[in-house]
Protein backbone atom coordinates (compact mmCIF):
# COMPACT_ATOMS: atom_id res chain seq x y z
CA MET A 1 -19.40 -5.54 -7.47
CA ARG A 2 -15.73 -4.82 -6.88
CA LYS A 3 -14.59 -1.77 -4.99
CA SER A 4 -12.12 0.54 -6.66
CA TYR A 5 -9.60 2.57 -4.70
CA SER A 6 -7.62 5.57 -5.90
CA GLY A 7 -3.84 5.51 -6.00
CA GLU A 8 -3.82 8.30 -3.43
CA PHE A 9 -5.89 6.20 -1.02
CA LYS A 10 -3.69 3.13 -1.56
CA ALA A 11 -0.55 5.22 -0.95
CA LYS A 12 -2.02 6.58 2.30
CA VAL A 13 -2.81 3.07 3.54
CA VAL A 14 0.58 1.65 2.48
CA LEU A 15 2.39 4.47 4.28
CA GLU A 16 0.41 3.64 7.38
CA ILE A 17 1.45 -0.01 7.02
CA LEU A 18 5.11 0.95 6.62
CA LYS A 19 5.04 3.06 9.80
CA GLU A 20 4.42 -0.21 11.69
CA GLU A 21 2.45 1.56 14.43
CA LYS A 22 -0.50 -0.81 13.88
CA THR A 23 -0.78 -4.38 12.66
CA ILE A 24 -2.02 -5.22 9.18
CA SER A 25 -5.15 -6.66 10.80
CA GLN A 26 -5.84 -3.43 12.68
CA ILE A 27 -5.45 -1.32 9.54
CA ALA A 28 -7.57 -3.75 7.50
CA SER A 29 -10.34 -3.58 10.08
CA GLU A 30 -10.12 0.22 10.26
CA TYR A 31 -10.55 0.63 6.48
CA GLY A 32 -12.77 -2.41 5.85
CA ILE A 33 -10.28 -4.00 3.44
CA HIS A 34 -9.09 -7.62 3.55
CA PRO A 35 -5.56 -7.98 5.01
CA ASN A 36 -4.39 -9.93 1.93
CA GLN A 37 -5.32 -6.96 -0.26
CA LEU A 38 -3.25 -4.65 1.93
CA LEU A 39 -0.28 -7.00 1.69
CA LYS A 40 -0.61 -6.96 -2.12
CA TRP A 41 -0.62 -3.14 -2.13
CA LYS A 42 2.44 -3.05 0.13
CA LYS A 43 4.33 -5.52 -2.06
CA GLU A 44 3.41 -3.59 -5.22
CA ALA A 45 4.48 -0.28 -3.67
CA ILE A 46 7.86 -1.63 -2.58
CA ARG A 47 8.44 -3.22 -6.01
CA SER A 48 7.58 0.05 -7.76
CA LEU A 49 9.76 2.16 -5.49
CA ALA A 50 12.95 1.19 -7.31
CA GLU A 51 11.47 2.37 -10.62
CA VAL A 52 10.45 5.71 -9.14
CA LEU A 53 13.92 6.31 -7.73
CA GLU A 54 15.78 5.13 -10.84
CA ASP A 55 18.32 7.61 -12.19
CA GLY A 56 17.11 8.53 -15.69
CA ARG A 57 20.35 10.22 -16.84
CA ARG A 58 21.65 7.30 -18.88
């Protein structure tokens, strides 16, 4: 069975990754999530950031 994580949880973890106070491996171990999954979340968050900040006054 696959685990499902809320967007709020993913955002919390990605923000922790972006702070760079701990390694990906440390964070993965802390939350019990595979490091590759965390890297996917980070990549997705950074890709989506441009859309969130897009100026919609066109």
